[in-house]
């Protein structure tokens, strides 16, 4: 699995770092990804975390597919300020850090 990801990241389609940064700059889906990813290269967790379930969860966090309100609300076209955290009673907009 890891080798497949590395091969995909080195496929030549995404070799220009500036183009990559511009492409993700205004994409709401990649809100968290932009906070965590600075360089166009394979991430160390792909090699260091051996448990598939853990790697999968980290990937979901990074790619905006973890089923928490900030993401599921985006899927349902719910305005950002209405995607409230269902893990607390504070009435705050959910974020990935709170979910972790």
N, C-alpha and C. Protein backbone atom coordinates (compact mmCIF):
# COMPACT_ATOMS: atom_id res chain seq x y z
N UNK A 1 0.83 -1.21 0.00
CA UNK A 1 0.00 0.00 0.00
C UNK A 1 0.86 1.25 0.00
N UNK A 2 1.85 1.30 0.90
CA UNK A 2 2.71 2.48 1.00
C UNK A 2 3.46 2.69 -0.30
N UNK A 3 3.99 1.63 -0.89
CA UNK A 3 4.71 1.76 -2.15
C UNK A 3 3.83 2.32 -3.25
N UNK A 4 2.56 1.92 -3.25
CA UNK A 4 1.62 2.43 -4.25
C UNK A 4 1.42 3.93 -4.08
N UNK A 5 1.31 4.40 -2.83
CA UNK A 5 1.14 5.82 -2.56
C UNK A 5 2.39 6.59 -2.99
N UNK A 6 3.55 6.06 -2.67
CA UNK A 6 4.80 6.72 -3.05
C UNK A 6 4.90 6.82 -4.56
N UNK A 7 4.56 5.74 -5.27
CA UNK A 7 4.60 5.77 -6.72
C UNK A 7 3.64 6.82 -7.27
N UNK A 8 2.45 6.92 -6.67
CA UNK A 8 1.48 7.91 -7.12
C UNK A 8 2.00 9.32 -6.90
N UNK A 9 2.67 9.56 -5.77
CA UNK A 9 3.14 10.90 -5.48
C UNK A 9 4.32 11.28 -6.36
N UNK A 10 4.97 10.29 -6.96
CA UNK A 10 6.12 10.54 -7.83
C UNK A 10 5.78 10.30 -9.29
N UNK A 11 4.52 10.36 -9.64
CA UNK A 11 4.09 9.97 -10.98
C UNK A 11 4.42 11.01 -12.05
N UNK A 12 4.79 12.21 -11.66
CA UNK A 12 5.11 13.23 -12.64
C UNK A 12 3.96 14.17 -12.92
N UNK A 13 2.76 13.83 -12.47
CA UNK A 13 1.61 14.71 -12.71
C UNK A 13 1.60 15.88 -11.74
N UNK A 14 2.24 15.72 -10.60
CA UNK A 14 2.19 16.74 -9.56
C UNK A 14 3.60 17.19 -9.18
N UNK A 15 4.43 17.49 -10.14
CA UNK A 15 5.82 17.79 -9.82
C UNK A 15 6.05 19.27 -9.53
N UNK A 16 5.15 20.13 -9.93
CA UNK A 16 5.35 21.56 -9.73
C UNK A 16 4.72 21.98 -8.40
N UNK A 17 5.55 22.28 -7.43
CA UNK A 17 5.09 22.63 -6.09
C UNK A 17 4.22 23.88 -6.08
N UNK A 18 4.59 24.89 -6.84
CA UNK A 18 3.82 26.13 -6.87
C UNK A 18 2.44 25.91 -7.48
N UNK A 19 2.35 25.13 -8.53
CA UNK A 19 1.05 24.82 -9.13
C UNK A 19 0.18 24.08 -8.13
N UNK A 20 0.78 23.12 -7.41
CA UNK A 20 0.06 22.36 -6.39
C UNK A 20 -0.47 23.29 -5.31
N UNK A 21 0.35 24.20 -4.81
CA UNK A 21 -0.09 25.13 -3.77
C UNK A 21 -1.21 26.02 -4.26
N UNK A 22 -1.13 26.49 -5.48
CA UNK A 22 -2.19 27.32 -6.05
C UNK A 22 -3.49 26.53 -6.23
N UNK A 23 -3.37 25.28 -6.62
CA UNK A 23 -4.55 24.45 -6.84
C UNK A 23 -5.33 24.20 -5.56
N UNK A 24 -4.64 24.07 -4.43
CA UNK A 24 -5.34 23.79 -3.18
C UNK A 24 -5.70 25.03 -2.38
N UNK A 25 -5.21 26.18 -2.78
CA UNK A 25 -5.36 27.42 -2.00
C UNK A 25 -6.81 27.77 -1.67
N UNK A 26 -7.72 27.61 -2.61
CA UNK A 26 -9.10 28.05 -2.40
C UNK A 26 -10.09 26.90 -2.40
N UNK A 27 -9.66 25.75 -1.96
CA UNK A 27 -10.53 24.58 -1.95
C UNK A 27 -11.00 24.30 -0.53
N UNK A 28 -12.30 24.51 -0.22
CA UNK A 28 -12.80 24.30 1.14
C UNK A 28 -12.59 22.88 1.64
N UNK A 29 -12.68 21.90 0.77
CA UNK A 29 -12.50 20.51 1.19
C UNK A 29 -11.13 20.30 1.82
N UNK A 30 -10.15 21.04 1.36
CA UNK A 30 -8.78 20.84 1.82
C UNK A 30 -8.39 21.79 2.94
N UNK A 31 -9.35 22.26 3.70
CA UNK A 31 -9.12 23.20 4.81
C UNK A 31 -8.06 22.66 5.77
N UNK A 32 -8.21 21.45 6.25
CA UNK A 32 -7.26 20.86 7.20
C UNK A 32 -5.98 20.46 6.49
N UNK A 33 -6.11 19.92 5.32
CA UNK A 33 -4.95 19.49 4.54
C UNK A 33 -3.96 20.65 4.39
N UNK A 34 -4.47 21.84 4.09
CA UNK A 34 -3.61 23.01 3.91
C UNK A 34 -2.88 23.39 5.19
N UNK A 35 -3.48 23.12 6.33
CA UNK A 35 -2.83 23.42 7.60
C UNK A 35 -1.70 22.43 7.91
N UNK A 36 -1.84 21.20 7.44
CA UNK A 36 -0.91 20.14 7.78
C UNK A 36 0.16 19.88 6.72
N UNK A 37 -0.13 20.19 5.49
CA UNK A 37 0.76 19.82 4.39
C UNK A 37 1.45 21.06 3.85
N UNK A 38 2.77 21.06 3.89
CA UNK A 38 3.53 22.22 3.42
C UNK A 38 4.30 21.93 2.14
N UNK A 39 4.72 20.69 1.97
CA UNK A 39 5.55 20.33 0.83
C UNK A 39 4.92 19.18 0.05
N UNK A 40 5.19 19.18 -1.23
CA UNK A 40 4.69 18.14 -2.11
C UNK A 40 5.65 16.96 -2.07
N UNK A 41 5.44 16.10 -1.07
CA UNK A 41 6.27 14.91 -0.90
C UNK A 41 5.52 13.90 -0.05
N UNK A 42 5.97 12.68 -0.07
CA UNK A 42 5.36 11.63 0.76
C UNK A 42 5.57 11.96 2.22
N UNK A 43 4.56 11.65 3.03
CA UNK A 43 4.63 11.94 4.46
C UNK A 43 5.23 10.78 5.24
N UNK A 44 5.95 11.09 6.29
CA UNK A 44 6.62 10.08 7.12
C UNK A 44 5.64 9.11 7.76
N UNK A 45 4.41 9.56 8.10
CA UNK A 45 3.48 8.65 8.76
C UNK A 45 3.16 7.44 7.88
N UNK A 46 3.30 7.59 6.58
CA UNK A 46 3.05 6.46 5.69
C UNK A 46 4.04 5.33 5.93
N UNK A 47 5.21 5.68 6.39
CA UNK A 47 6.25 4.69 6.63
C UNK A 47 6.31 4.28 8.11
N UNK A 48 6.02 5.21 9.01
CA UNK A 48 6.20 4.97 10.44
C UNK A 48 5.03 4.26 11.10
N UNK A 49 3.82 4.51 10.65
CA UNK A 49 2.64 3.91 11.27
C UNK A 49 2.31 2.63 10.53
N UNK A 50 2.47 1.54 11.21
CA UNK A 50 2.29 0.22 10.58
C UNK A 50 0.85 -0.27 10.60
N UNK A 51 0.04 0.24 11.52
CA UNK A 51 -1.35 -0.21 11.65
C UNK A 51 -2.21 0.48 10.58
N UNK A 52 -2.83 -0.31 9.76
CA UNK A 52 -3.63 0.22 8.66
C UNK A 52 -4.76 1.13 9.15
N UNK A 53 -5.43 0.76 10.22
CA UNK A 53 -6.54 1.57 10.74
C UNK A 53 -6.05 2.95 11.18
N UNK A 54 -4.89 3.03 11.82
CA UNK A 54 -4.36 4.32 12.25
C UNK A 54 -3.97 5.17 11.04
N UNK A 55 -3.30 4.56 10.08
CA UNK A 55 -2.91 5.28 8.87
C UNK A 55 -4.14 5.79 8.13
N UNK A 56 -5.18 4.97 8.09
CA UNK A 56 -6.42 5.34 7.42
C UNK A 56 -7.08 6.54 8.10
N UNK A 57 -7.10 6.54 9.43
CA UNK A 57 -7.70 7.66 10.17
C UNK A 57 -6.93 8.95 9.93
N UNK A 58 -5.62 8.88 9.97
CA UNK A 58 -4.80 10.07 9.70
C UNK A 58 -5.06 10.56 8.29
N UNK A 59 -5.16 9.64 7.34
CA UNK A 59 -5.45 10.03 5.98
C UNK A 59 -6.80 10.74 5.88
N UNK A 60 -7.81 10.21 6.56
CA UNK A 60 -9.14 10.82 6.53
C UNK A 60 -9.12 12.22 7.12
N UNK A 61 -8.37 12.41 8.20
CA UNK A 61 -8.24 13.74 8.79
C UNK A 61 -7.61 14.69 7.79
N UNK A 62 -6.52 14.26 7.20
CA UNK A 62 -5.76 15.11 6.28
C UNK A 62 -6.53 15.41 4.99
N UNK A 63 -7.34 14.47 4.54
CA UNK A 63 -8.02 14.65 3.25
C UNK A 63 -9.43 15.23 3.35
N UNK A 64 -9.89 15.48 4.59
CA UNK A 64 -11.22 16.07 4.74
C UNK A 64 -12.34 15.08 4.57
N UNK A 65 -12.09 13.82 4.85
CA UNK A 65 -13.14 12.81 4.70
C UNK A 65 -13.52 12.14 6.01
N UNK A 66 -12.98 12.61 7.13
CA UNK A 66 -13.37 12.09 8.43
C UNK A 66 -14.81 12.53 8.71
N UNK A 67 -15.70 11.62 9.10
CA UNK A 67 -17.11 11.99 9.24
C UNK A 67 -17.39 12.78 10.54
N UNK A 68 -16.92 14.02 10.56
CA UNK A 68 -17.24 14.96 11.65
C UNK A 68 -17.99 16.13 11.04
N UNK A 69 -18.69 16.88 11.85
CA UNK A 69 -19.60 17.91 11.34
C UNK A 69 -18.96 18.93 10.40
N UNK A 70 -17.71 19.27 10.63
CA UNK A 70 -17.08 20.25 9.74
C UNK A 70 -17.03 19.72 8.30
N UNK A 71 -16.88 18.41 8.16
CA UNK A 71 -16.81 17.79 6.84
C UNK A 71 -18.18 17.35 6.33
N UNK A 72 -18.95 16.66 7.17
CA UNK A 72 -20.27 16.20 6.71
C UNK A 72 -21.18 17.38 6.39
N UNK A 73 -21.00 18.47 7.11
CA UNK A 73 -21.76 19.68 6.80
C UNK A 73 -21.42 20.24 5.43
N UNK A 74 -20.14 20.15 5.07
CA UNK A 74 -19.71 20.59 3.74
C UNK A 74 -20.35 19.72 2.68
N UNK A 75 -20.43 18.41 2.94
CA UNK A 75 -21.05 17.49 1.98
C UNK A 75 -22.51 17.82 1.76
N UNK A 76 -23.17 18.33 2.84
CA UNK A 76 -24.61 18.62 2.78
C UNK A 76 -24.92 20.08 2.51
N UNK A 77 -23.89 20.87 2.19
CA UNK A 77 -24.02 22.30 1.91
C UNK A 77 -24.56 23.10 3.10
N UNK A 78 -24.20 22.68 4.30
CA UNK A 78 -24.57 23.42 5.51
C UNK A 78 -23.54 24.54 5.70
N UNK A 79 -23.97 25.77 5.94
CA UNK A 79 -23.01 26.86 6.13
C UNK A 79 -22.01 26.55 7.25
N UNK A 80 -20.79 26.99 7.09
CA UNK A 80 -19.71 26.68 8.02
C UNK A 80 -20.06 27.03 9.46
N UNK A 81 -20.70 28.17 9.69
CA UNK A 81 -21.01 28.59 11.05
C UNK A 81 -22.10 27.75 11.72
N UNK A 82 -22.73 26.86 10.95
CA UNK A 82 -23.77 25.99 11.51
C UNK A 82 -23.31 24.53 11.69
N UNK A 83 -22.05 24.26 11.43
CA UNK A 83 -21.51 22.90 11.58
C UNK A 83 -20.97 22.72 12.99
N UNK A 84 -21.89 22.62 13.93
CA UNK A 84 -21.53 22.63 15.35
C UNK A 84 -21.01 21.28 15.83
N UNK A 85 -20.16 21.35 16.82
CA UNK A 85 -19.56 20.16 17.42
C UNK A 85 -20.63 19.37 18.16
N UNK A 86 -20.69 18.07 17.91
CA UNK A 86 -21.64 17.23 18.62
C UNK A 86 -20.99 16.49 19.78
N UNK A 87 -19.74 16.85 20.10
CA UNK A 87 -19.03 16.21 21.22
C UNK A 87 -19.01 17.08 22.47
N UNK A 88 -19.47 18.32 22.34
CA UNK A 88 -19.50 19.20 23.50
C UNK A 88 -20.79 20.01 23.48
N UNK A 89 -21.04 20.73 24.54
CA UNK A 89 -22.25 21.55 24.63
C UNK A 89 -21.97 23.02 24.41
N UNK A 90 -20.79 23.34 23.92
CA UNK A 90 -20.38 24.74 23.80
C UNK A 90 -20.97 25.49 22.64
N UNK A 91 -21.57 24.80 21.68
CA UNK A 91 -22.14 25.48 20.52
C UNK A 91 -21.07 26.00 19.57
N UNK A 92 -19.91 25.34 19.59
CA UNK A 92 -18.79 25.77 18.73
C UNK A 92 -18.81 25.01 17.42
N UNK A 93 -18.27 25.67 16.39
CA UNK A 93 -18.10 25.00 15.12
C UNK A 93 -17.05 23.91 15.33
N UNK A 94 -17.35 22.75 14.82
CA UNK A 94 -16.45 21.60 14.99
C UNK A 94 -15.14 21.84 14.24
N UNK A 95 -14.06 21.30 14.77
CA UNK A 95 -12.79 21.32 14.07
C UNK A 95 -12.11 19.98 14.26
N UNK A 96 -11.18 19.69 13.42
CA UNK A 96 -10.49 18.40 13.48
C UNK A 96 -9.77 18.23 14.81
N UNK A 97 -9.18 19.27 15.32
CA UNK A 97 -8.43 19.16 16.57
C UNK A 97 -9.35 18.76 17.73
N UNK A 98 -10.56 19.25 17.75
CA UNK A 98 -11.50 18.90 18.81
C UNK A 98 -11.90 17.43 18.69
N UNK A 99 -12.01 16.95 17.46
CA UNK A 99 -12.40 15.58 17.24
C UNK A 99 -11.31 14.58 17.62
N UNK A 100 -10.09 15.04 17.64
CA UNK A 100 -8.98 14.15 17.98
C UNK A 100 -8.88 14.03 19.47
